[in-house]
Amino acid sequence: MFFLADEVDEDDESGEAYGAAEYSRAANGCWFNIRIGHDPDQEGHLRAEVRLGCGDKKHEAPVDDSPTLRER
């Protein structure tokens, strides 16, 4: 599902805050989020973040907060 309200993420390289739309999926006690920035960075690249986690201890290596991903 998509939420219309903006999320605000911070660019890891520049420290700039930017608005993002979030896609979210939850199943079996785990969640997966993709947050896609609305505006490009100062160099014209679009940004995104990925988050993954689980509420239990059965699954390893959750990604609570990925680095800022950039369009190539």
PDB file of N, CA and C in Angstrom:
ATOM      1  N   MET A   1       0.834  -1.171   0.000  1.00  0.00           N
ATOM      2  CA  MET A   1       0.000   0.000   0.000  1.00  0.00           C
ATOM      3  C   MET A   1       0.883   1.239   0.000  1.00  0.00           C
ATOM      4  N   PHE A   2       0.365   2.351  -0.457  1.00  0.00           N
ATOM      5  CA  PHE A   2       1.077   3.623  -0.450  1.00  0.00           C
ATOM      6  C   PHE A   2       0.366   4.581   0.491  1.00  0.00           C
ATOM      7  N   PHE A   3       1.158   5.377   1.201  1.00  0.00           N
ATOM      8  CA  PHE A   3       0.610   6.411   2.063  1.00  0.00           C
ATOM      9  C   PHE A   3       0.806   7.749   1.379  1.00  0.00           C
ATOM     10  N   LEU A   4      -0.205   8.606   1.404  1.00  0.00           N
ATOM     11  CA  LEU A   4      -0.108   9.896   0.746  1.00  0.00           C
ATOM     12  C   LEU A   4       0.665  10.919   1.554  1.00  0.00           C
ATOM     13  N   ALA A   5       0.727  10.770   2.848  1.00  0.00           N
ATOM     14  CA  ALA A   5       1.496  11.702   3.675  1.00  0.00           C
ATOM     15  C   ALA A   5       2.981  11.431   3.490  1.00  0.00           C
ATOM     16  N   ASP A   6       3.744  12.505   3.393  1.00  0.00           N
ATOM     17  CA  ASP A   6       5.186  12.358   3.206  1.00  0.00           C
ATOM     18  C   ASP A   6       5.874  11.836   4.452  1.00  0.00           C
ATOM     19  N   GLU A   7       6.893  11.024   4.220  1.00  0.00           N
ATOM     20  CA  GLU A   7       7.857  10.661   5.238  1.00  0.00           C
ATOM     21  C   GLU A   7       9.047  11.581   4.998  1.00  0.00           C
ATOM     22  N   VAL A   8       9.846  11.809   6.007  1.00  0.00           N
ATOM     23  CA  VAL A   8      11.031  12.641   5.837  1.00  0.00           C
ATOM     24  C   VAL A   8      12.254  11.800   6.165  1.00  0.00           C
ATOM     25  N   ASP A   9      13.153  11.677   5.186  1.00  0.00           N
ATOM     26  CA  ASP A   9      14.400  10.956   5.360  1.00  0.00           C
ATOM     27  C   ASP A   9      15.553  11.938   5.276  1.00  0.00           C
ATOM     28  N   GLU A  10      16.711  11.497   5.743  1.00  0.00           N
ATOM     29  CA  GLU A  10      17.903  12.332   5.692  1.00  0.00           C
ATOM     30  C   GLU A  10      18.938  11.667   4.801  1.00  0.00           C
ATOM     31  N   ASP A  11      19.468  12.429   3.867  1.00  0.00           N
ATOM     32  CA  ASP A  11      20.494  11.952   2.954  1.00  0.00           C
ATOM     33  C   ASP A  11      21.782  11.696   3.732  1.00  0.00           C
ATOM     34  N   ASP A  12      22.334  10.478   3.623  1.00  0.00           N
ATOM     35  CA  ASP A  12      23.537  10.116   4.363  1.00  0.00           C
ATOM     36  C   ASP A  12      24.760  10.932   3.950  1.00  0.00           C
ATOM     37  N   GLU A  13      24.842  11.326   2.692  1.00  0.00           N
ATOM     38  CA  GLU A  13      26.017  12.052   2.216  1.00  0.00           C
ATOM     39  C   GLU A  13      25.946  13.550   2.521  1.00  0.00           C
ATOM     40  N   SER A  14      24.801  14.165   2.244  1.00  0.00           N
ATOM     41  CA  SER A  14      24.698  15.617   2.384  1.00  0.00           C
ATOM     42  C   SER A  14      24.071  16.059   3.703  1.00  0.00           C
ATOM     43  N   GLY A  15      23.334  15.154   4.370  1.00  0.00           N
ATOM     44  CA  GLY A  15      22.617  15.525   5.580  1.00  0.00           C
ATOM     45  C   GLY A  15      21.314  16.250   5.309  1.00  0.00           C
ATOM     46  N   GLU A  16      20.982  16.442   4.039  1.00  0.00           N
ATOM     47  CA  GLU A  16      19.762  17.138   3.631  1.00  0.00           C
ATOM     48  C   GLU A  16      18.528  16.273   3.904  1.00  0.00           C
ATOM     49  N   ALA A  17      17.481  16.887   4.429  1.00  0.00           N
ATOM     50  CA  ALA A  17      16.216  16.186   4.620  1.00  0.00           C
ATOM     51  C   ALA A  17      15.409  16.278   3.322  1.00  0.00           C
ATOM     52  N   TYR A  18      14.693  15.202   2.997  1.00  0.00           N
ATOM     53  CA  TYR A  18      13.877  15.207   1.780  1.00  0.00           C
ATOM     54  C   TYR A  18      12.603  14.402   2.015  1.00  0.00           C
ATOM     55  N   GLY A  19      11.542  14.777   1.333  1.00  0.00           N
ATOM     56  CA  GLY A  19      10.264  14.087   1.435  1.00  0.00           C
ATOM     57  C   GLY A  19      10.270  12.817   0.600  1.00  0.00           C
ATOM     58  N   ALA A  20       9.581  11.796   1.091  1.00  0.00           N
ATOM     59  CA  ALA A  20       9.554  10.512   0.385  1.00  0.00           C
ATOM     60  C   ALA A  20       8.189   9.858   0.536  1.00  0.00           C
ATOM     61  N   ALA A  21       7.784   9.126  -0.495  1.00  0.00           N
ATOM     62  CA  ALA A  21       6.581   8.298  -0.436  1.00  0.00           C
ATOM     63  C   ALA A  21       7.008   6.906   0.017  1.00  0.00           C
ATOM     64  N   GLU A  22       6.188   6.279   0.851  1.00  0.00           N
ATOM     65  CA  GLU A  22       6.548   4.979   1.415  1.00  0.00           C
ATOM     66  C   GLU A  22       5.622   3.885   0.915  1.00  0.00           C
ATOM     67  N   TYR A  23       6.220   2.789   0.446  1.00  0.00           N
ATOM     68  CA  TYR A  23       5.512   1.557   0.150  1.00  0.00           C
ATOM     69  C   TYR A  23       5.804   0.619   1.300  1.00  0.00           C
ATOM     70  N   SER A  24       4.772   0.004   1.851  1.00  0.00           N
ATOM     71  CA  SER A  24       4.962  -0.819   3.039  1.00  0.00           C
ATOM     72  C   SER A  24       4.238  -2.154   2.875  1.00  0.00           C
ATOM     73  N   ARG A  25       4.902  -3.213   3.324  1.00  0.00           N
ATOM     74  CA  ARG A  25       4.312  -4.553   3.295  1.00  0.00           C
ATOM     75  C   ARG A  25       4.666  -5.254   4.592  1.00  0.00           C
ATOM     76  N   ALA A  26       3.688  -5.851   5.225  1.00  0.00           N
ATOM     77  CA  ALA A  26       3.918  -6.606   6.458  1.00  0.00           C
ATOM     78  C   ALA A  26       3.299  -7.991   6.305  1.00  0.00           C
ATOM     79  N   ALA A  27       4.033  -8.995   6.775  1.00  0.00           N
ATOM     80  CA  ALA A  27       3.542 -10.373   6.734  1.00  0.00           C
ATOM     81  C   ALA A  27       4.338 -11.212   7.720  1.00  0.00           C
ATOM     82  N   ASN A  28       3.667 -12.101   8.413  1.00  0.00           N
ATOM     83  CA  ASN A  28       4.306 -13.057   9.319  1.00  0.00           C
ATOM     84  C   ASN A  28       5.216 -12.406  10.353  1.00  0.00           C
ATOM     85  N   GLY A  29       4.804 -11.252  10.863  1.00  0.00           N
ATOM     86  CA  GLY A  29       5.580 -10.586  11.902  1.00  0.00           C
ATOM     87  C   GLY A  29       6.770  -9.792  11.396  1.00  0.00           C
ATOM     88  N   CYS A  30       6.924  -9.686  10.069  1.00  0.00           N
ATOM     89  CA  CYS A  30       8.029  -8.927   9.481  1.00  0.00           C
ATOM     90  C   CYS A  30       7.468  -7.792   8.631  1.00  0.00           C
ATOM     91  N   TRP A  31       8.309  -6.817   8.366  1.00  0.00           N
ATOM     92  CA  TRP A  31       7.889  -5.697   7.529  1.00  0.00           C
ATOM     93  C   TRP A  31       8.972  -5.360   6.518  1.00  0.00           C
ATOM     94  N   PHE A  32       8.537  -4.766   5.398  1.00  0.00           N
ATOM     95  CA  PHE A  32       9.428  -4.336   4.328  1.00  0.00           C
ATOM     96  C   PHE A  32       8.922  -2.988   3.860  1.00  0.00           C
ATOM     97  N   ASN A  33       9.770  -1.985   3.886  1.00  0.00           N
ATOM     98  CA  ASN A  33       9.407  -0.644   3.454  1.00  0.00           C
ATOM     99  C   ASN A  33      10.381  -0.160   2.399  1.00  0.00           C
ATOM    100  N   ILE A  34       9.855   0.484   1.369  1.00  0.00           N
ATOM    101  CA  ILE A  34      10.659   1.210   0.397  1.00  0.00           C
ATOM    102  C   ILE A  34      10.193   2.652   0.452  1.00  0.00           C
ATOM    103  N   ARG A  35      11.132   3.565   0.660  1.00  0.00           N
ATOM    104  CA  ARG A  35      10.807   4.986   0.707  1.00  0.00           C
ATOM    105  C   ARG A  35      11.501   5.663  -0.459  1.00  0.00           C
ATOM    106  N   ILE A  36      10.702   6.222  -1.365  1.00  0.00           N
ATOM    107  CA  ILE A  36      11.210   6.822  -2.597  1.00  0.00           C
ATOM    108  C   ILE A  36      11.087   8.335  -2.504  1.00  0.00           C
ATOM    109  N   GLY A  37      12.219   9.019  -2.632  1.00  0.00           N
ATOM    110  CA  GLY A  37      12.243  10.477  -2.534  1.00  0.00           C
ATOM    111  C   GLY A  37      11.510  11.146  -3.683  1.00  0.00           C
ATOM    112  N   HIS A  38      10.878  12.272  -3.383  1.00  0.00           N
ATOM    113  CA  HIS A  38      10.127  13.016  -4.406  1.00  0.00           C
ATOM    114  C   HIS A  38      11.038  13.835  -5.309  1.00  0.00           C
ATOM    115  N   ASP A  39      12.054  14.422  -4.739  1.00  0.00           N
ATOM    116  CA  ASP A  39      12.912  15.338  -5.480  1.00  0.00           C
ATOM    117  C   ASP A  39      14.329  14.794  -5.563  1.00  0.00           C
ATOM    118  N   PRO A  40      15.012  15.075  -6.667  1.00  0.00           N
ATOM    119  CA  PRO A  40      16.399  14.622  -6.788  1.00  0.00           C
ATOM    120  C   PRO A  40      17.330  15.400  -5.867  1.00  0.00           C
ATOM    121  N   ASP A  41      18.520  14.827  -5.643  1.00  0.00           N
ATOM    122  CA  ASP A  41      19.531  15.519  -4.852  1.00  0.00           C
ATOM    123  C   ASP A  41      20.136  16.662  -5.674  1.00  0.00           C
ATOM    124  N   GLN A  42      21.162  17.315  -5.154  1.00  0.00           N
ATOM    125  CA  GLN A  42      21.764  18.471  -5.822  1.00  0.00           C
ATOM    126  C   GLN A  42      22.431  18.109  -7.146  1.00  0.00           C
ATOM    127  N   GLU A  43      22.735  16.829  -7.326  1.00  0.00           N
ATOM    128  CA  GLU A  43      23.346  16.377  -8.575  1.00  0.00           C
ATOM    129  C   GLU A  43      22.325  15.781  -9.543  1.00  0.00           C
ATOM    130  N   GLY A  44      21.044  15.842  -9.177  1.00  0.00           N
ATOM    131  CA  GLY A  44      19.983  15.366 -10.058  1.00  0.00           C
ATOM    132  C   GLY A  44      19.639  13.897  -9.929  1.00  0.00           C
ATOM    133  N   HIS A  45      20.158  13.210  -8.904  1.00  0.00           N
ATOM    134  CA  HIS A  45      19.877  11.787  -8.708  1.00  0.00           C
ATOM    135  C   HIS A  45      18.698  11.593  -7.753  1.00  0.00           C
ATOM    136  N   LEU A  46      17.814  10.681  -8.112  1.00  0.00           N
ATOM    137  CA  LEU A  46      16.715  10.330  -7.216  1.00  0.00           C
ATOM    138  C   LEU A  46      17.256   9.483  -6.075  1.00  0.00           C
ATOM    139  N   ARG A  47      16.562   9.524  -4.921  1.00  0.00           N
ATOM    140  CA  ARG A  47      17.024   8.809  -3.727  1.00  0.00           C
ATOM    141  C   ARG A  47      15.943   7.873  -3.206  1.00  0.00           C
ATOM    142  N   ALA A  48      16.374   6.847  -2.471  1.00  0.00           N
ATOM    143  CA  ALA A  48      15.441   5.902  -1.860  1.00  0.00           C
ATOM    144  C   ALA A  48      16.115   5.259  -0.654  1.00  0.00           C
ATOM    145  N   GLU A  49      15.298   4.665   0.212  1.00  0.00           N
ATOM    146  CA  GLU A  49      15.785   3.869   1.340  1.00  0.00           C
ATOM    147  C   GLU A  49      14.950   2.601   1.423  1.00  0.00           C
ATOM    148  N   VAL A  50      15.568   1.553   1.929  1.00  0.00           N
ATOM    149  CA  VAL A  50      14.893   0.268   2.117  1.00  0.00           C
ATOM    150  C   VAL A  50      15.008  -0.092   3.592  1.00  0.00           C
ATOM    151  N   ARG A  51      13.922  -0.576   4.162  1.00  0.00           N
ATOM    152  CA  ARG A  51      13.934  -1.005   5.565  1.00  0.00           C
ATOM    153  C   ARG A  51      13.260  -2.361   5.664  1.00  0.00           C
ATOM    154  N   LEU A  52      13.859  -3.228   6.467  1.00  0.00           N
ATOM    155  CA  LEU A  52      13.349  -4.579   6.658  1.00  0.00           C
ATOM    156  C   LEU A  52      13.568  -4.958   8.107  1.00  0.00           C
ATOM    157  N   GLY A  53      12.600  -5.597   8.697  1.00  0.00           N
ATOM    158  CA  GLY A  53      12.764  -6.035  10.076  1.00  0.00           C
ATOM    159  C   GLY A  53      11.703  -7.035  10.466  1.00  0.00           C
ATOM    160  N   CYS A  54      11.925  -7.684  11.590  1.00  0.00           N
ATOM    161  CA  CYS A  54      10.982  -8.668  12.110  1.00  0.00           C
ATOM    162  C   CYS A  54      10.847  -8.473  13.613  1.00  0.00           C
ATOM    163  N   GLY A  55       9.685  -8.762  14.119  1.00  0.00           N
ATOM    164  CA  GLY A  55       9.426  -8.629  15.539  1.00  0.00           C
ATOM    165  C   GLY A  55       9.883  -9.820  16.354  1.00  0.00           C
ATOM    166  N   ASP A  56      10.394 -10.855  15.707  1.00  0.00           N
ATOM    167  CA  ASP A  56      10.842 -12.041  16.438  1.00  0.00           C
ATOM    168  C   ASP A  56      12.352 -12.227  16.270  1.00  0.00           C
ATOM    169  N   LYS A  57      12.895 -13.238  16.902  1.00  0.00           N
ATOM    170  CA  LYS A  57      14.333 -13.501  16.841  1.00  0.00           C
ATOM    171  C   LYS A  57      14.680 -14.618  15.847  1.00  0.00           C
ATOM    172  N   LYS A  58      13.669 -15.141  15.115  1.00  0.00           N
ATOM    173  CA  LYS A  58      13.920 -16.227  14.170  1.00  0.00           C
ATOM    174  C   LYS A  58      14.640 -15.757  12.908  1.00  0.00           C
ATOM    175  N   HIS A  59      14.467 -14.493  12.561  1.00  0.00           N
ATOM    176  CA  HIS A  59      15.037 -13.956  11.330  1.00  0.00           C
ATOM    177  C   HIS A  59      16.243 -13.087  11.664  1.00  0.00           C
ATOM    178  N   GLU A  60      17.307 -13.239  10.896  1.00  0.00           N
ATOM    179  CA  GLU A  60      18.530 -12.491  11.155  1.00  0.00           C
ATOM    180  C   GLU A  60      18.696 -11.327  10.187  1.00  0.00           C
ATOM    181  N   ALA A  61      19.598 -10.414  10.536  1.00  0.00           N
ATOM    182  CA  ALA A  61      20.049  -9.302   9.697  1.00  0.00           C
ATOM    183  C   ALA A  61      18.928  -8.391   9.210  1.00  0.00           C
ATOM    184  N   PRO A  62      18.099  -7.883  10.118  1.00  0.00           N
ATOM    185  CA  PRO A  62      17.122  -6.894   9.661  1.00  0.00           C
ATOM    186  C   PRO A  62      17.834  -5.614   9.255  1.00  0.00           C
ATOM    187  N   VAL A  63      17.255  -4.906   8.321  1.00  0.00           N
ATOM    188  CA  VAL A  63      17.794  -3.622   7.860  1.00  0.00           C
ATOM    189  C   VAL A  63      16.853  -2.551   8.387  1.00  0.00           C
ATOM    190  N   ASP A  64      17.178  -2.015   9.562  1.00  0.00           N
ATOM    191  CA  ASP A  64      16.317  -0.991  10.134  1.00  0.00           C
ATOM    192  C   ASP A  64      16.382   0.306   9.368  1.00  0.00           C
ATOM    193  N   ASP A  65      17.550   0.617   8.823  1.00  0.00           N
ATOM    194  CA  ASP A  65      17.721   1.882   8.122  1.00  0.00           C
ATOM    195  C   ASP A  65      18.870   1.736   7.136  1.00  0.00           C
ATOM    196  N   SER A  66      18.555   1.636   5.858  1.00  0.00           N
ATOM    197  CA  SER A  66      19.597   1.441   4.849  1.00  0.00           C
ATOM    198  C   SER A  66      20.300   2.762   4.565  1.00  0.00           C
ATOM    199  N   PRO A  67      21.459   2.698   3.949  1.00  0.00           N
ATOM    200  CA  PRO A  67      22.071   3.933   3.478  1.00  0.00           C
ATOM    201  C   PRO A  67      21.195   4.526   2.375  1.00  0.00           C
ATOM    202  N   THR A  68      21.392   5.780   2.103  1.00  0.00           N
ATOM    203  CA  THR A  68      20.635   6.423   1.024  1.00  0.00           C
ATOM    204  C   THR A  68      21.054   5.813  -0.305  1.00  0.00           C
ATOM    205  N   LEU A  69      20.087   5.280  -1.029  1.00  0.00           N
ATOM    206  CA  LEU A  69      20.344   4.692  -2.341  1.00  0.00           C
ATOM    207  C   LEU A  69      20.133   5.776  -3.391  1.00  0.00           C
ATOM    208  N   ARG A  70      20.953   5.768  -4.429  1.00  0.00           N
ATOM    209  CA  ARG A  70      20.883   6.796  -5.464  1.00  0.00           C
ATOM    210  C   ARG A  70      20.723   6.185  -6.843  1.00  0.00           C
ATOM    211  N   GLU A  71      19.982   6.902  -7.662  1.00  0.00           N
ATOM    212  CA  GLU A  71      19.813   6.536  -9.056  1.00  0.00           C
ATOM    213  C   GLU A  71      21.164   6.686  -9.774  1.00  0.00           C
ATOM    214  N   ARG A  72      21.446   5.776 -10.669  1.00  0.00           N
ATOM    215  CA  ARG A  72      22.677   5.869 -11.474  1.00  0.00           C
ATOM    216  C   ARG A  72      22.395   6.420 -12.819  1.00  0.00           C
TER     217      ARG A  72
END
